PDB file of N, CA and C in Angstrom:
ATOM      1  N   MET A   1       7.542 -95.784 105.110  1.00  0.00           N
ATOM      2  CA  MET A   1       7.709 -95.093 103.843  1.00  0.00           C
ATOM      3  C   MET A   1       7.008 -93.738 103.933  1.00  0.00           C
ATOM      4  N   SER A   2       7.654 -92.698 103.432  1.00  0.00           N
ATOM      5  CA  SER A   2       7.060 -91.369 103.506  1.00  0.00           C
ATOM      6  C   SER A   2       5.876 -91.249 102.545  1.00  0.00           C
ATOM      7  N   ASP A   3       4.983 -90.316 102.854  1.00  0.00           N
ATOM      8  CA  ASP A   3       3.826 -90.076 101.984  1.00  0.00           C
ATOM      9  C   ASP A   3       4.251 -89.709 100.575  1.00  0.00           C
ATOM     10  N   LEU A   4       5.312 -88.923 100.446  1.00  0.00           N
ATOM     11  CA  LEU A   4       5.748 -88.507  99.114  1.00  0.00           C
ATOM     12  C   LEU A   4       6.255 -89.687  98.290  1.00  0.00           C
ATOM     13  N   LEU A   5       6.939 -90.625  98.919  1.00  0.00           N
ATOM     14  CA  LEU A   5       7.370 -91.828  98.203  1.00  0.00           C
ATOM     15  C   LEU A   5       6.167 -92.670  97.789  1.00  0.00           C
ATOM     16  N   LYS A   6       5.174 -92.757  98.665  1.00  0.00           N
ATOM     17  CA  LYS A   6       3.952 -93.489  98.324  1.00  0.00           C
ATOM     18  C   LYS A   6       3.274 -92.853  97.117  1.00  0.00           C
ATOM     19  N   LEU A   7       3.162 -91.515  97.125  1.00  0.00           N
ATOM     20  CA  LEU A   7       2.546 -90.814  95.994  1.00  0.00           C
ATOM     21  C   LEU A   7       3.333 -91.052  94.715  1.00  0.00           C
ATOM     22  N   ASN A   8       4.654 -90.984  94.796  1.00  0.00           N
ATOM     23  CA  ASN A   8       5.482 -91.229  93.623  1.00  0.00           C
ATOM     24  C   ASN A   8       5.269 -92.640  93.088  1.00  0.00           C
ATOM     25  N   ASN A   9       5.171 -93.617  93.965  1.00  0.00           N
ATOM     26  CA  ASN A   9       4.928 -95.001  93.532  1.00  0.00           C
ATOM     27  C   ASN A   9       3.585 -95.136  92.822  1.00  0.00           C
ATOM     28  N   ILE A  10       2.566 -94.455  93.344  1.00  0.00           N
ATOM     29  CA  ILE A  10       1.241 -94.490  92.710  1.00  0.00           C
ATOM     30  C   ILE A  10       1.319 -93.880  91.308  1.00  0.00           C
ATOM     31  N   VAL A  11       2.012 -92.757  91.189  1.00  0.00           N
ATOM     32  CA  VAL A  11       2.175 -92.107  89.886  1.00  0.00           C
ATOM     33  C   VAL A  11       2.943 -93.016  88.931  1.00  0.00           C
ATOM     34  N   GLN A  12       4.018 -93.635  89.406  1.00  0.00           N
ATOM     35  CA  GLN A  12       4.853 -94.489  88.549  1.00  0.00           C
ATOM     36  C   GLN A  12       4.078 -95.663  87.961  1.00  0.00           C
ATOM     37  N   ARG A  13       3.110 -96.190  88.707  1.00  0.00           N
ATOM     38  CA  ARG A  13       2.323 -97.315  88.176  1.00  0.00           C
ATOM     39  C   ARG A  13       1.020 -96.844  87.528  1.00  0.00           C
ATOM     40  N   ASN A  14       0.929 -95.509  87.300  1.00  0.00           N
ATOM     41  CA  ASN A  14      -0.258 -94.919  86.678  1.00  0.00           C
ATOM     42  C   ASN A  14      -1.515 -95.270  87.473  1.00  0.00           C
ATOM     43  N   GLY A  15      -1.420 -95.143  88.787  1.00  0.00           N
ATOM     44  CA  GLY A  15      -2.502 -95.523  89.689  1.00  0.00           C
ATOM     45  C   GLY A  15      -3.586 -94.463  89.829  1.00  0.00           C
ATOM     46  N   ASP A  16      -4.472 -94.690  90.761  1.00  0.00           N
ATOM     47  CA  ASP A  16      -5.652 -93.867  91.025  1.00  0.00           C
ATOM     48  C   ASP A  16      -5.253 -92.639  91.838  1.00  0.00           C
ATOM     49  N   ILE A  17      -4.940 -91.539  91.151  1.00  0.00           N
ATOM     50  CA  ILE A  17      -4.511 -90.313  91.815  1.00  0.00           C
ATOM     51  C   ILE A  17      -4.939 -89.118  90.971  1.00  0.00           C
ATOM     52  N   LYS A  18      -5.360 -88.043  91.631  1.00  0.00           N
ATOM     53  CA  LYS A  18      -5.760 -86.801  90.959  1.00  0.00           C
ATOM     54  C   LYS A  18      -5.099 -85.633  91.673  1.00  0.00           C
ATOM     55  N   ALA A  19      -4.906 -84.543  90.939  1.00  0.00           N
ATOM     56  CA  ALA A  19      -4.373 -83.314  91.518  1.00  0.00           C
ATOM     57  C   ALA A  19      -5.306 -82.164  91.175  1.00  0.00           C
ATOM     58  N   PHE A  20      -5.494 -81.262  92.130  1.00  0.00           N
ATOM     59  CA  PHE A  20      -6.327 -80.078  91.938  1.00  0.00           C
ATOM     60  C   PHE A  20      -5.492 -78.861  92.327  1.00  0.00           C
ATOM     61  N   PRO A  21      -4.849 -78.205  91.360  1.00  0.00           N
ATOM     62  CA  PRO A  21      -3.968 -77.080  91.669  1.00  0.00           C
ATOM     63  C   PRO A  21      -4.711 -75.948  92.390  1.00  0.00           C
ATOM     64  N   LEU A  22      -4.124 -75.467  93.460  1.00  0.00           N
ATOM     65  CA  LEU A  22      -4.745 -74.384  94.212  1.00  0.00           C
ATOM     66  C   LEU A  22      -4.811 -73.091  93.404  1.00  0.00           C
ATOM     67  N   SER A  23      -3.858 -72.915  92.474  1.00  0.00           N
ATOM     68  CA  SER A  23      -3.850 -71.677  91.699  1.00  0.00           C
ATOM     69  C   SER A  23      -5.135 -71.479  90.904  1.00  0.00           C
ATOM     70  N   SER A  24      -5.773 -72.574  90.500  1.00  0.00           N
ATOM     71  CA  SER A  24      -7.012 -72.454  89.731  1.00  0.00           C
ATOM     72  C   SER A  24      -8.244 -72.987  90.456  1.00  0.00           C
ATOM     73  N   ASN A  25      -8.066 -73.677  91.571  1.00  0.00           N
ATOM     74  CA  ASN A  25      -9.189 -74.307  92.268  1.00  0.00           C
ATOM     75  C   ASN A  25      -9.512 -73.701  93.626  1.00  0.00           C
ATOM     76  N   MET A  26      -8.711 -72.757  94.101  1.00  0.00           N
ATOM     77  CA  MET A  26      -8.982 -72.167  95.408  1.00  0.00           C
ATOM     78  C   MET A  26     -10.166 -71.216  95.297  1.00  0.00           C
ATOM     79  N   LYS A  27     -11.166 -71.443  96.119  1.00  0.00           N
ATOM     80  CA  LYS A  27     -12.382 -70.634  96.109  1.00  0.00           C
ATOM     81  C   LYS A  27     -12.376 -69.560  97.182  1.00  0.00           C
ATOM     82  N   SER A  28     -11.788 -69.856  98.343  1.00  0.00           N
ATOM     83  CA  SER A  28     -11.703 -68.861  99.406  1.00  0.00           C
ATOM     84  C   SER A  28     -10.595 -69.260 100.371  1.00  0.00           C
ATOM     85  N   ALA A  29     -10.091 -68.262 101.093  1.00  0.00           N
ATOM     86  CA  ALA A  29      -9.083 -68.489 102.121  1.00  0.00           C
ATOM     87  C   ALA A  29      -9.232 -67.399 103.173  1.00  0.00           C
ATOM     88  N   ARG A  30      -9.049 -67.790 104.430  1.00  0.00           N
ATOM     89  CA  ARG A  30      -9.135 -66.808 105.512  1.00  0.00           C
ATOM     90  C   ARG A  30      -8.344 -67.305 106.708  1.00  0.00           C
ATOM     91  N   HIS A  31      -7.971 -66.360 107.550  1.00  0.00           N
ATOM     92  CA  HIS A  31      -7.322 -66.706 108.807  1.00  0.00           C
ATOM     93  C   HIS A  31      -7.752 -65.705 109.867  1.00  0.00           C
ATOM     94  N   GLY A  32      -7.661 -66.152 111.070  1.00  0.00           N
ATOM     95  CA  GLY A  32      -8.047 -65.289 112.182  1.00  0.00           C
ATOM     96  C   GLY A  32      -6.845 -64.937 113.016  1.00  0.00           C
ATOM     97  N   LYS A  33      -7.079 -64.657 114.287  1.00  0.00           N
ATOM     98  CA  LYS A  33      -5.991 -64.280 115.180  1.00  0.00           C
ATOM     99  C   LYS A  33      -5.175 -65.487 115.646  1.00  0.00           C
ATOM    100  N   GLY A  34      -5.750 -66.669 115.599  1.00  0.00           N
ATOM    101  CA  GLY A  34      -5.064 -67.875 116.051  1.00  0.00           C
ATOM    102  C   GLY A  34      -4.115 -68.424 115.001  1.00  0.00           C
ATOM    103  N   PRO A  35      -3.521 -69.587 115.273  1.00  0.00           N
ATOM    104  CA  PRO A  35      -2.523 -70.157 114.363  1.00  0.00           C
ATOM    105  C   PRO A  35      -3.112 -70.881 113.149  1.00  0.00           C
ATOM    106  N   TRP A  36      -4.412 -71.073 113.080  1.00  0.00           N
ATOM    107  CA  TRP A  36      -5.023 -71.837 112.004  1.00  0.00           C
ATOM    108  C   TRP A  36      -5.805 -70.951 111.052  1.00  0.00           C
ATOM    109  N   GLY A  37      -5.898 -71.379 109.814  1.00  0.00           N
ATOM    110  CA  GLY A  37      -6.705 -70.707 108.806  1.00  0.00           C
ATOM    111  C   GLY A  37      -7.593 -71.734 108.125  1.00  0.00           C
ATOM    112  N   GLU A  38      -8.296 -71.293 107.111  1.00  0.00           N
ATOM    113  CA  GLU A  38      -9.227 -72.177 106.404  1.00  0.00           C
ATOM    114  C   GLU A  38      -9.156 -71.879 104.909  1.00  0.00           C
ATOM    115  N   VAL A  39      -9.084 -72.939 104.104  1.00  0.00           N
ATOM    116  CA  VAL A  39      -9.044 -72.810 102.644  1.00  0.00           C
ATOM    117  C   VAL A  39     -10.133 -73.693 102.059  1.00  0.00           C
ATOM    118  N   THR A  40     -10.873 -73.174 101.098  1.00  0.00           N
ATOM    119  CA  THR A  40     -11.874 -73.954 100.378  1.00  0.00           C
ATOM    120  C   THR A  40     -11.386 -74.125  98.947  1.00  0.00           C
ATOM    121  N   ILE A  41     -11.327 -75.382  98.489  1.00  0.00           N
ATOM    122  CA  ILE A  41     -10.912 -75.644  97.118  1.00  0.00           C
ATOM    123  C   ILE A  41     -12.001 -76.426  96.394  1.00  0.00           C
ATOM    124  N   ALA A  42     -12.049 -76.254  95.077  1.00  0.00           N
ATOM    125  CA  ALA A  42     -12.999 -76.982  94.244  1.00  0.00           C
ATOM    126  C   ALA A  42     -12.347 -78.279  93.763  1.00  0.00           C
ATOM    127  N   ILE A  43     -13.089 -79.370  93.897  1.00  0.00           N
ATOM    128  CA  ILE A  43     -12.669 -80.659  93.340  1.00  0.00           C
ATOM    129  C   ILE A  43     -13.860 -81.255  92.603  1.00  0.00           C
ATOM    130  N   ASP A  44     -13.609 -82.282  91.809  1.00  0.00           N
ATOM    131  CA  ASP A  44     -14.699 -82.872  91.040  1.00  0.00           C
ATOM    132  C   ASP A  44     -15.655 -83.665  91.944  1.00  0.00           C
ATOM    133  N   SER A  45     -16.880 -83.802  91.482  1.00  0.00           N
ATOM    134  CA  SER A  45     -17.945 -84.459  92.266  1.00  0.00           C
ATOM    135  C   SER A  45     -17.606 -85.902  92.608  1.00  0.00           C
ATOM    136  N   GLU A  46     -16.979 -86.603  91.684  1.00  0.00           N
ATOM    137  CA  GLU A  46     -16.601 -87.996  91.947  1.00  0.00           C
ATOM    138  C   GLU A  46     -15.681 -88.082  93.161  1.00  0.00           C
ATOM    139  N   SER A  47     -14.716 -87.171  93.248  1.00  0.00           N
ATOM    140  CA  SER A  47     -13.792 -87.185  94.382  1.00  0.00           C
ATOM    141  C   SER A  47     -14.495 -86.839  95.683  1.00  0.00           C
ATOM    142  N   VAL A  48     -15.449 -85.921  95.643  1.00  0.00           N
ATOM    143  CA  VAL A  48     -16.235 -85.601  96.840  1.00  0.00           C
ATOM    144  C   VAL A  48     -16.956 -86.851  97.335  1.00  0.00           C
ATOM    145  N   GLU A  49     -17.621 -87.552  96.429  1.00  0.00           N
ATOM    146  CA  GLU A  49     -18.347 -88.776  96.797  1.00  0.00           C
ATOM    147  C   GLU A  49     -17.401 -89.818  97.387  1.00  0.00           C
ATOM    148  N   ARG A  50     -16.220 -89.941  96.791  1.00  0.00           N
ATOM    149  CA  ARG A  50     -15.262 -90.932  97.279  1.00  0.00           C
ATOM    150  C   ARG A  50     -14.746 -90.565  98.671  1.00  0.00           C
ATOM    151  N   LEU A  51     -14.538 -89.275  98.928  1.00  0.00           N
ATOM    152  CA  LEU A  51     -14.116 -88.853 100.263  1.00  0.00           C
ATOM    153  C   LEU A  51     -15.206 -89.115 101.292  1.00  0.00           C
ATOM    154  N   TRP A  52     -16.451 -88.757 100.953  1.00  0.00           N
ATOM    155  CA  TRP A  52     -17.575 -89.022 101.855  1.00  0.00           C
ATOM    156  C   TRP A  52     -17.744 -90.515 102.125  1.00  0.00           C
ATOM    157  N   GLY A  53     -17.512 -91.326 101.101  1.00  0.00           N
ATOM    158  CA  GLY A  53     -17.671 -92.768 101.245  1.00  0.00           C
ATOM    159  C   GLY A  53     -16.451 -93.467 101.817  1.00  0.00           C
ATOM    160  N   ASN A  54     -15.457 -92.694 102.236  1.00  0.00           N
ATOM    161  CA  ASN A  54     -14.228 -93.241 102.812  1.00  0.00           C
ATOM    162  C   ASN A  54     -13.507 -94.160 101.825  1.00  0.00           C
ATOM    163  N   ASP A  55     -13.613 -93.837 100.533  1.00  0.00           N
ATOM    164  CA  ASP A  55     -12.982 -94.619  99.473  1.00  0.00           C
ATOM    165  C   ASP A  55     -11.763 -93.899  98.905  1.00  0.00           C
ATOM    166  N   ALA A  56     -11.360 -92.776  99.512  1.00  0.00           N
ATOM    167  CA  ALA A  56     -10.212 -92.014  99.034  1.00  0.00           C
ATOM    168  C   ALA A  56      -9.546 -91.316 100.211  1.00  0.00           C
ATOM    169  N   ILE A  57      -8.282 -91.008 100.038  1.00  0.00           N
ATOM    170  CA  ILE A  57      -7.493 -90.268 101.016  1.00  0.00           C
ATOM    171  C   ILE A  57      -7.199 -88.904 100.410  1.00  0.00           C
ATOM    172  N   GLY A  58      -7.371 -87.827 101.163  1.00  0.00           N
ATOM    173  CA  GLY A  58      -7.045 -86.497 100.667  1.00  0.00           C
ATOM    174  C   GLY A  58      -5.940 -85.874 101.504  1.00  0.00           C
ATOM    175  N   ILE A  59      -4.953 -85.293 100.830  1.00  0.00           N
ATOM    176  CA  ILE A  59      -3.826 -84.656 101.505  1.00  0.00           C
ATOM    177  C   ILE A  59      -3.531 -83.353 100.781  1.00  0.00           C
ATOM    178  N   LEU A  60      -3.334 -82.273 101.509  1.00  0.00           N
ATOM    179  CA  LEU A  60      -2.949 -81.000 100.920  1.00  0.00           C
ATOM    180  C   LEU A  60      -1.494 -80.743 101.263  1.00  0.00           C
ATOM    181  N   TYR A  61      -0.658 -80.607 100.238  1.00  0.00           N
ATOM    182  CA  TYR A  61       0.741 -80.252 100.429  1.00  0.00           C
ATOM    183  C   TYR A  61       0.939 -78.821  99.964  1.00  0.00           C
ATOM    184  N   ILE A  62       1.667 -78.039 100.726  1.00  0.00           N
ATOM    185  CA  ILE A  62       2.027 -76.679 100.346  1.00  0.00           C
ATOM    186  C   ILE A  62       3.536 -76.678 100.130  1.00  0.00           C
ATOM    187  N   VAL A  63       3.979 -76.265  98.934  1.00  0.00           N
ATOM    188  CA  VAL A  63       5.390 -76.288  98.574  1.00  0.00           C
ATOM    189  C   VAL A  63       5.844 -74.864  98.265  1.00  0.00           C
ATOM    190  N   GLY A  64       6.997 -74.488  98.769  1.00  0.00           N
ATOM    191  CA  GLY A  64       7.551 -73.176  98.470  1.00  0.00           C
ATOM    192  C   GLY A  64       7.760 -72.997  96.968  1.00  0.00           C
ATOM    193  N   ARG A  65       7.437 -71.840  96.455  1.00  0.00           N
ATOM    194  CA  ARG A  65       7.557 -71.569  95.022  1.00  0.00           C
ATOM    195  C   ARG A  65       8.984 -71.805  94.524  1.00  0.00           C
ATOM    196  N   ASP A  66       9.996 -71.382  95.306  1.00  0.00           N
ATOM    197  CA  ASP A  66      11.385 -71.587  94.891  1.00  0.00           C
ATOM    198  C   ASP A  66      11.717 -73.069  94.771  1.00  0.00           C
ATOM    199  N   GLU A  67      11.218 -73.871  95.705  1.00  0.00           N
ATOM    200  CA  GLU A  67      11.463 -75.319  95.637  1.00  0.00           C
ATOM    201  C   GLU A  67      10.802 -75.923  94.402  1.00  0.00           C
ATOM    202  N   TRP A  68       9.587 -75.492  94.100  1.00  0.00           N
ATOM    203  CA  TRP A  68       8.865 -76.005  92.931  1.00  0.00           C
ATOM    204  C   TRP A  68       9.604 -75.639  91.647  1.00  0.00           C
ATOM    205  N   LYS A  69      10.112 -74.405  91.573  1.00  0.00           N
ATOM    206  CA  LYS A  69      10.842 -73.948  90.395  1.00  0.00           C
ATOM    207  C   LYS A  69      12.120 -74.767  90.190  1.00  0.00           C
ATOM    208  N   LYS A  70      12.820 -75.087  91.290  1.00  0.00           N
ATOM    209  CA  LYS A  70      14.031 -75.909  91.198  1.00  0.00           C
ATOM    210  C   LYS A  70      13.724 -77.240  90.528  1.00  0.00           C
ATOM    211  N   GLU A  71      12.621 -77.868  90.915  1.00  0.00           N
ATOM    212  CA  GLU A  71      12.253 -79.170  90.349  1.00  0.00           C
ATOM    213  C   GLU A  71      11.759 -79.027  88.924  1.00  0.00           C
ATOM    214  N   SER A  72      11.040 -77.952  88.639  1.00  0.00           N
ATOM    215  CA  SER A  72      10.490 -77.740  87.306  1.00  0.00           C
ATOM    216  C   SER A  72      11.576 -77.431  86.286  1.00  0.00           C
ATOM    217  N   GLU A  73      12.600 -76.725  86.705  1.00  0.00           N
ATOM    218  CA  GLU A  73      13.679 -76.337  85.797  1.00  0.00           C
ATOM    219  C   GLU A  73      14.753 -77.394  85.677  1.00  0.00           C
ATOM    220  N   GLY A  74      14.836 -78.283  86.688  1.00  0.00           N
ATOM    221  CA  GLY A  74      15.905 -79.283  86.751  1.00  0.00           C
ATOM    222  C   GLY A  74      15.766 -80.329  85.749  1.00  0.00           C
TER     223      GLY A  74
END
């Protein structure tokens, strides 16, 4: 099962899931000459503790603005 289907199932059963929009939570971003960059985002303290305690899974998805608009308007 794909990660997106898993996320949808969690949402459908009103499960344990949070979202932190990058538009308001991104604190810094940078890239160098190589293929990788680095982004720092703000999340709540409870989620930080859960990540440190291996009690949560974190995934960052980047979606094209046009694709997001298609779903939002549909």
